[in-house]
Every structure is written in structure tokens, then in C-alpha cells.
């Protein structure tokens, strides 16, 4: 039996709910389903026709955001491990900064398991990049690669949840923090970013 594609209005309603949830949660991380539904211009009943509860809605936000993060990870192809890590950190920061509250919700303890699963491709990229950086002498080797990759992930989590995305130099700080965890000194980070200003240049133009 052929499964019928969702009606156009159903697809549009679902997209509208997700968009409203992102903007509403940005203003109030504890916003209720009622508030999100009103923001989307829909009834609570319509929202529940797409999502069983608020948690299901947040999980969908996490999944859709993870798809964008995973695509970013695939787009970074620099041969130099240091540049690749810096570029990955900058691109991920810019994406997360646009939906910082939703990103923070994705990283809270209630959703950490779902987030880890959704971000598996990105985490594999970080793990591979970490091993490569250690093998070519770019990154610190006093820690095992899995441990270092985990530290990089945890630091990125902290930066996303605690740094004001609107503050001047936020992306630069995020990149430098990740490079520091990987083992670069502040002078080495300075030299790297000075040689590749495009990595954080977008921040200055925003």
C-alpha cells in the first residue's frame, strides 16, 4: 500500500510550529505549548496533531538543528588540522548563535542522550580530526584522542550555553577556546587566525 504524502498545509503548519518554537524559546526558554501555538498562529489542538508534547517538539528542534550541524562538519575539508578545527568551531558557533537558546536546550541534561545520537556524524568528525591533529603533531598528545575529543565537545557545550552570542568577539572567543583545549598556545592561535582572517571575519561584518 502506498503511503500518501502529507498535505501541503500540514507540512506548512509543521514548519511554522518549528519556526515559532525557535523564536519563542529564544525569548522564553520555558515557554509553554500554548504560547508556542499562539506564536505560530495555530490552535493547541493543531500543534498536538504534529507533536505529542512539548518534549517531542524540542526533540524535533534538536534533530533539525543537528542536521545543519552535521552538514557543516562535512563541509570542512582543510588539510591542516588546526585550520580545520578553527573553521569548524567558527561555523558551528555562528549556526548555534542564531538559535542559542534552542542550542542550550539541546545540551541540557534532559536531552543530552538524544542530542548525542543526533549529532553522531559531527562527533565522528571531531574524533577523526582530533586523531589526525595528534598524528601530525598539531594537537596535544598528553591525552588520548577520545579524551581530547570529549574535552573539545564539552568546552564547545560550555561556550554555547554561557557566552552571550551578541557580544563583540564572541565567535573569536569560541574559536580560541577550542584551539586552546586542543593544545595551541594563545600566540599560536593568534598566528593561525592572523594567517586565515576569513575564519572569524564574518563576525566583524555582522
C-alpha atoms as a PDB file:
ATOM      1  CA  UNK A   1       0.000   0.000   0.000  1.00  0.00           C
ATOM      2  CA  UNK A   2       1.322   3.429  -0.963  1.00  0.00           C
ATOM      3  CA  UNK A   3       1.710   5.957   1.846  1.00  0.00           C
ATOM      4  CA  UNK A   4       0.251   9.319   0.928  1.00  0.00           C
ATOM      5  CA  UNK A   5       2.479  12.365   1.238  1.00  0.00           C
ATOM      6  CA  UNK A   6       1.439  14.880   3.910  1.00  0.00           C
ATOM      7  CA  UNK A   7      -0.905  17.604   2.712  1.00  0.00           C
ATOM      8  CA  UNK A   8       0.737  20.893   1.867  1.00  0.00           C
ATOM      9  CA  UNK A   9      -0.997  22.747   4.687  1.00  0.00           C
ATOM     10  CA  UNK A  10       0.136  20.088   7.168  1.00  0.00           C
ATOM     11  CA  UNK A  11       3.736  20.476   6.018  1.00  0.00           C
ATOM     12  CA  UNK A  12       3.462  24.264   6.267  1.00  0.00           C
ATOM     13  CA  UNK A  13       1.880  24.062   9.724  1.00  0.00           C
ATOM     14  CA  UNK A  14       4.667  21.816  10.984  1.00  0.00           C
ATOM     15  CA  UNK A  15       7.334  24.150   9.600  1.00  0.00           C
ATOM     16  CA  UNK A  16       5.518  27.112  11.138  1.00  0.00           C
ATOM     17  CA  UNK A  17       5.388  25.425  14.539  1.00  0.00           C
ATOM     18  CA  UNK A  18       9.130  24.722  14.475  1.00  0.00           C
ATOM     19  CA  UNK A  19       9.910  28.287  13.411  1.00  0.00           C
ATOM     20  CA  UNK A  20       7.642  29.713  16.113  1.00  0.00           C
ATOM     21  CA  UNK A  21       9.187  27.418  18.708  1.00  0.00           C
ATOM     22  CA  UNK A  22      12.703  28.629  17.859  1.00  0.00           C
ATOM     23  CA  UNK A  23      11.783  32.303  18.157  1.00  0.00           C
ATOM     24  CA  UNK A  24       9.534  31.848  21.194  1.00  0.00           C
ATOM     25  CA  UNK A  25      12.087  29.797  23.119  1.00  0.00           C
ATOM     26  CA  UNK A  26      14.707  32.427  22.317  1.00  0.00           C
ATOM     27  CA  UNK A  27      12.630  34.914  24.315  1.00  0.00           C
ATOM     28  CA  UNK A  28      11.463  32.460  26.972  1.00  0.00           C
ATOM     29  CA  UNK A  29      13.198  29.065  27.295  1.00  0.00           C
ATOM     30  CA  UNK A  30      10.288  27.870  29.453  1.00  0.00           C
ATOM     31  CA  UNK A  31       7.529  28.903  27.035  1.00  0.00           C
ATOM     32  CA  UNK A  32       4.530  26.582  27.133  1.00  0.00           C
ATOM     33  CA  UNK A  33       2.914  24.728  24.259  1.00  0.00           C
ATOM     34  CA  UNK A  34       0.046  27.246  24.356  1.00  0.00           C
ATOM     35  CA  UNK A  35       2.418  30.174  23.873  1.00  0.00           C
ATOM     36  CA  UNK A  36       4.239  28.432  21.033  1.00  0.00           C
ATOM     37  CA  UNK A  37       0.965  27.544  19.302  1.00  0.00           C
ATOM     38  CA  UNK A  38      -0.281  31.146  19.531  1.00  0.00           C
ATOM     39  CA  UNK A  39       3.026  32.379  18.155  1.00  0.00           C
ATOM     40  CA  UNK A  40       2.567  30.041  15.186  1.00  0.00           C
ATOM     41  CA  UNK A  41      -0.981  31.316  14.684  1.00  0.00           C
ATOM     42  CA  UNK A  42      -2.382  27.853  15.327  1.00  0.00           C
ATOM     43  CA  UNK A  43      -4.520  26.171  17.951  1.00  0.00           C
ATOM     44  CA  UNK A  44      -3.093  23.985  20.663  1.00  0.00           C
ATOM     45  CA  UNK A  45      -5.004  21.076  19.141  1.00  0.00           C
ATOM     46  CA  UNK A  46      -3.304  21.605  15.783  1.00  0.00           C
ATOM     47  CA  UNK A  47       0.103  21.653  17.448  1.00  0.00           C
ATOM     48  CA  UNK A  48      -0.668  18.397  19.236  1.00  0.00           C
ATOM     49  CA  UNK A  49      -1.618  16.937  15.871  1.00  0.00           C
ATOM     50  CA  UNK A  50       2.050  17.237  14.928  1.00  0.00           C
ATOM     51  CA  UNK A  51       3.806  16.737  18.268  1.00  0.00           C
ATOM     52  CA  UNK A  52       2.721  14.579  21.197  1.00  0.00           C
ATOM     53  CA  UNK A  53       4.010  17.033  23.793  1.00  0.00           C
ATOM     54  CA  UNK A  54       6.469  19.866  24.397  1.00  0.00           C
ATOM     55  CA  UNK A  55       9.368  17.459  24.787  1.00  0.00           C
ATOM     56  CA  UNK A  56       8.652  15.899  21.392  1.00  0.00           C
ATOM     57  CA  UNK A  57       8.705  19.379  19.865  1.00  0.00           C
ATOM     58  CA  UNK A  58      12.060  20.158  21.440  1.00  0.00           C
ATOM     59  CA  UNK A  59      13.462  16.832  20.240  1.00  0.00           C
ATOM     60  CA  UNK A  60      12.406  17.733  16.710  1.00  0.00           C
ATOM     61  CA  UNK A  61      14.145  21.109  17.045  1.00  0.00           C
ATOM     62  CA  UNK A  62      17.270  19.268  18.168  1.00  0.00           C
ATOM     63  CA  UNK A  63      17.089  16.853  15.238  1.00  0.00           C
ATOM     64  CA  UNK A  64      16.630  19.573  12.632  1.00  0.00           C
ATOM     65  CA  UNK A  65      19.433  21.625  14.157  1.00  0.00           C
ATOM     66  CA  UNK A  66      21.683  18.568  14.256  1.00  0.00           C
ATOM     67  CA  UNK A  67      21.168  18.056  10.535  1.00  0.00           C
ATOM     68  CA  UNK A  68      22.539  21.544   9.888  1.00  0.00           C
ATOM     69  CA  UNK A  69      25.478  20.993  12.258  1.00  0.00           C
ATOM     70  CA  UNK A  70      26.307  17.649  10.639  1.00  0.00           C
ATOM     71  CA  UNK A  71      26.230  19.258   7.193  1.00  0.00           C
ATOM     72  CA  UNK A  72      28.643  21.947   8.414  1.00  0.00           C
ATOM     73  CA  UNK A  73      31.023  19.258   9.654  1.00  0.00           C
ATOM     74  CA  UNK A  74      31.015  17.633   6.213  1.00  0.00           C
ATOM     75  CA  UNK A  75      31.816  20.967   4.551  1.00  0.00           C
ATOM     76  CA  UNK A  76      35.140  21.483   6.379  1.00  0.00           C
ATOM     77  CA  UNK A  77      37.897  19.951   4.256  1.00  0.00           C
ATOM     78  CA  UNK A  78      41.072  21.828   5.258  1.00  0.00           C
ATOM     79  CA  UNK A  79      44.166  19.612   5.221  1.00  0.00           C
ATOM     80  CA  UNK A  80      45.733  21.490   8.150  1.00  0.00           C
ATOM     81  CA  UNK A  81      44.167  20.073  11.314  1.00  0.00           C
ATOM     82  CA  UNK A  82      44.483  23.381  13.158  1.00  0.00           C
ATOM     83  CA  UNK A  83      42.707  25.320  10.421  1.00  0.00           C
ATOM     84  CA  UNK A  84      40.050  22.632  10.097  1.00  0.00           C
ATOM     85  CA  UNK A  85      39.287  22.742  13.826  1.00  0.00           C
ATOM     86  CA  UNK A  86      39.225  26.546  13.893  1.00  0.00           C
ATOM     87  CA  UNK A  87      36.939  26.728  10.864  1.00  0.00           C
ATOM     88  CA  UNK A  88      34.638  24.036  12.229  1.00  0.00           C
ATOM     89  CA  UNK A  89      34.389  25.850  15.569  1.00  0.00           C
ATOM     90  CA  UNK A  90      33.634  29.189  13.874  1.00  0.00           C
ATOM     91  CA  UNK A  91      30.968  27.787  11.552  1.00  0.00           C
ATOM     92  CA  UNK A  92      29.272  25.817  14.303  1.00  0.00           C
ATOM     93  CA  UNK A  93      29.326  28.844  16.602  1.00  0.00           C
ATOM     94  CA  UNK A  94      27.630  31.045  14.002  1.00  0.00           C
ATOM     95  CA  UNK A  95      24.917  28.464  13.445  1.00  0.00           C
ATOM     96  CA  UNK A  96      24.385  27.941  17.179  1.00  0.00           C
ATOM     97  CA  UNK A  97      24.408  31.687  17.875  1.00  0.00           C
ATOM     98  CA  UNK A  98      21.322  32.162  15.675  1.00  0.00           C
ATOM     99  CA  UNK A  99      19.385  29.693  17.805  1.00  0.00           C
ATOM    100  CA  UNK A 100      21.387  29.893  21.016  1.00  0.00           C
ATOM    101  CA  UNK A 101      18.549  29.142  23.421  1.00  0.00           C
ATOM    102  CA  UNK A 102      17.435  26.139  21.376  1.00  0.00           C
ATOM    103  CA  UNK A 103      21.066  25.009  21.254  1.00  0.00           C
ATOM    104  CA  UNK A 104      21.326  25.355  25.019  1.00  0.00           C
ATOM    105  CA  UNK A 105      18.135  23.313  25.450  1.00  0.00           C
ATOM    106  CA  UNK A 106      19.670  20.644  23.231  1.00  0.00           C
ATOM    107  CA  UNK A 107      22.661  20.488  25.538  1.00  0.00           C
ATOM    108  CA  UNK A 108      20.785  20.296  28.835  1.00  0.00           C
ATOM    109  CA  UNK A 109      20.760  17.049  30.784  1.00  0.00           C
ATOM    110  CA  UNK A 110      17.172  16.190  29.845  1.00  0.00           C
ATOM    111  CA  UNK A 111      18.049  15.957  26.165  1.00  0.00           C
ATOM    112  CA  UNK A 112      21.735  15.087  26.203  1.00  0.00           C
ATOM    113  CA  UNK A 113      21.198  11.477  25.076  1.00  0.00           C
ATOM    114  CA  UNK A 114      19.014  12.460  22.116  1.00  0.00           C
ATOM    115  CA  UNK A 115      21.432  15.246  21.209  1.00  0.00           C
ATOM    116  CA  UNK A 116      24.421  12.898  21.279  1.00  0.00           C
ATOM    117  CA  UNK A 117      22.641  10.491  18.944  1.00  0.00           C
ATOM    118  CA  UNK A 118      21.508  13.221  16.547  1.00  0.00           C
ATOM    119  CA  UNK A 119      24.994  14.726  16.425  1.00  0.00           C
ATOM    120  CA  UNK A 120      26.792  11.400  15.894  1.00  0.00           C
ATOM    121  CA  UNK A 121      28.179  12.415  12.448  1.00  0.00           C
ATOM    122  CA  UNK A 122      29.570  15.669  13.863  1.00  0.00           C
ATOM    123  CA  UNK A 123      31.084  13.860  16.829  1.00  0.00           C
ATOM    124  CA  UNK A 124      32.767  11.386  14.476  1.00  0.00           C
ATOM    125  CA  UNK A 125      34.228  14.314  12.547  1.00  0.00           C
ATOM    126  CA  UNK A 126      35.630  15.837  15.740  1.00  0.00           C
ATOM    127  CA  UNK A 127      37.082  12.475  16.796  1.00  0.00           C
ATOM    128  CA  UNK A 128      38.712  11.919  13.404  1.00  0.00           C
ATOM    129  CA  UNK A 129      40.063  15.460  13.308  1.00  0.00           C
ATOM    130  CA  UNK A 130      41.462  15.092  16.819  1.00  0.00           C
ATOM    131  CA  UNK A 131      43.306  11.885  15.941  1.00  0.00           C
ATOM    132  CA  UNK A 132      44.653  13.455  12.764  1.00  0.00           C
ATOM    133  CA  UNK A 133      45.850  16.516  14.650  1.00  0.00           C
ATOM    134  CA  UNK A 134      47.658  14.363  17.179  1.00  0.00           C
ATOM    135  CA  UNK A 135      49.227  12.212  14.464  1.00  0.00           C
ATOM    136  CA  UNK A 136      50.614  15.217  12.577  1.00  0.00           C
ATOM    137  CA  UNK A 137      51.818  16.966  15.741  1.00  0.00           C
ATOM    138  CA  UNK A 138      49.318  19.837  15.618  1.00  0.00           C
ATOM    139  CA  UNK A 139      47.435  18.924  18.799  1.00  0.00           C
ATOM    140  CA  UNK A 140      48.462  17.929  22.295  1.00  0.00           C
ATOM    141  CA  UNK A 141      49.309  14.275  22.816  1.00  0.00           C
ATOM    142  CA  UNK A 142      49.331  14.092  26.615  1.00  0.00           C
ATOM    143  CA  UNK A 143      45.716  12.922  26.410  1.00  0.00           C
ATOM    144  CA  UNK A 144      44.253  10.009  24.466  1.00  0.00           C
ATOM    145  CA  UNK A 145      42.414  11.085  21.308  1.00  0.00           C
ATOM    146  CA  UNK A 146      38.945  10.093  22.603  1.00  0.00           C
ATOM    147  CA  UNK A 147      39.550  12.048  25.816  1.00  0.00           C
ATOM    148  CA  UNK A 148      40.735  15.134  23.942  1.00  0.00           C
ATOM    149  CA  UNK A 149      37.785  14.957  21.553  1.00  0.00           C
ATOM    150  CA  UNK A 150      35.445  14.746  24.548  1.00  0.00           C
ATOM    151  CA  UNK A 151      37.094  17.778  26.165  1.00  0.00           C
ATOM    152  CA  UNK A 152      36.670  19.753  22.945  1.00  0.00           C
ATOM    153  CA  UNK A 153      32.979  18.795  22.859  1.00  0.00           C
ATOM    154  CA  UNK A 154      32.462  19.755  26.495  1.00  0.00           C
ATOM    155  CA  UNK A 155      34.183  23.103  26.049  1.00  0.00           C
ATOM    156  CA  UNK A 156      32.059  23.844  22.985  1.00  0.00           C
ATOM    157  CA  UNK A 157      28.978  22.978  25.046  1.00  0.00           C
ATOM    158  CA  UNK A 158      30.028  25.384  27.799  1.00  0.00           C
ATOM    159  CA  UNK A 159      30.785  28.213  25.383  1.00  0.00           C
ATOM    160  CA  UNK A 160      27.434  27.838  23.601  1.00  0.00           C
ATOM    161  CA  UNK A 161      25.408  27.796  26.807  1.00  0.00           C
ATOM    162  CA  UNK A 162      27.258  30.528  28.707  1.00  0.00           C
ATOM    163  CA  UNK A 163      28.577  33.036  26.175  1.00  0.00           C
ATOM    164  CA  UNK A 164      26.449  35.980  25.048  1.00  0.00           C
ATOM    165  CA  UNK A 165      26.128  35.409  21.308  1.00  0.00           C
ATOM    166  CA  UNK A 166      25.507  39.122  20.729  1.00  0.00           C
ATOM    167  CA  UNK A 167      28.707  40.248  22.427  1.00  0.00           C
ATOM    168  CA  UNK A 168      31.560  41.592  20.323  1.00  0.00           C
ATOM    169  CA  UNK A 169      34.207  38.976  19.659  1.00  0.00           C
ATOM    170  CA  UNK A 170      32.054  36.019  20.738  1.00  0.00           C
ATOM    171  CA  UNK A 171      32.952  33.871  17.724  1.00  0.00           C
ATOM    172  CA  UNK A 172      36.627  34.747  18.104  1.00  0.00           C
ATOM    173  CA  UNK A 173      36.489  33.695  21.745  1.00  0.00           C
ATOM    174  CA  UNK A 174      34.775  30.420  20.856  1.00  0.00           C
ATOM    175  CA  UNK A 175      37.432  29.546  18.276  1.00  0.00           C
ATOM    176  CA  UNK A 176      40.340  30.465  20.544  1.00  0.00           C
ATOM    177  CA  UNK A 177      38.882  28.456  23.410  1.00  0.00           C
ATOM    178  CA  UNK A 178      38.611  25.314  21.290  1.00  0.00           C
ATOM    179  CA  UNK A 179      42.136  25.781  19.912  1.00  0.00           C
ATOM    180  CA  UNK A 180      43.438  26.193  23.453  1.00  0.00           C
ATOM    181  CA  UNK A 181      41.869  22.916  24.553  1.00  0.00           C
ATOM    182  CA  UNK A 182      43.439  21.232  21.510  1.00  0.00           C
ATOM    183  CA  UNK A 183      46.843  22.368  22.746  1.00  0.00           C
ATOM    184  CA  UNK A 184      47.631  25.596  20.904  1.00  0.00           C
ATOM    185  CA  UNK A 185      49.097  28.492  22.876  1.00  0.00           C
ATOM    186  CA  UNK A 186      47.495  31.912  22.611  1.00  0.00           C
ATOM    187  CA  UNK A 187      50.387  33.034  20.405  1.00  0.00           C
ATOM    188  CA  UNK A 188      49.907  30.075  18.076  1.00  0.00           C
ATOM    189  CA  UNK A 189      46.182  30.808  17.899  1.00  0.00           C
ATOM    190  CA  UNK A 190      46.979  34.457  17.135  1.00  0.00           C
ATOM    191  CA  UNK A 191      49.297  33.487  14.287  1.00  0.00           C
ATOM    192  CA  UNK A 192      46.841  30.971  12.870  1.00  0.00           C
ATOM    193  CA  UNK A 193      43.893  33.377  12.851  1.00  0.00           C
ATOM    194  CA  UNK A 194      46.048  36.221  11.516  1.00  0.00           C
ATOM    195  CA  UNK A 195      47.078  33.972   8.620  1.00  0.00           C
ATOM    196  CA  UNK A 196      43.461  32.975   7.972  1.00  0.00           C
ATOM    197  CA  UNK A 197      41.347  36.028   8.855  1.00  0.00           C
ATOM    198  CA  UNK A 198      38.369  34.665   6.921  1.00  0.00           C
ATOM    199  CA  UNK A 199      37.727  32.158   9.702  1.00  0.00           C
ATOM    200  CA  UNK A 200      36.313  34.806  12.046  1.00  0.00           C
ATOM    201  CA  UNK A 201      35.947  37.656   9.536  1.00  0.00           C
ATOM    202  CA  UNK A 202      32.205  37.099   9.138  1.00  0.00           C
ATOM    203  CA  UNK A 203      31.688  38.146  12.752  1.00  0.00           C
ATOM    204  CA  UNK A 204      33.114  41.603  12.095  1.00  0.00           C
ATOM    205  CA  UNK A 205      30.715  42.176   9.209  1.00  0.00           C
ATOM    206  CA  UNK A 206      27.580  41.044  11.058  1.00  0.00           C
END
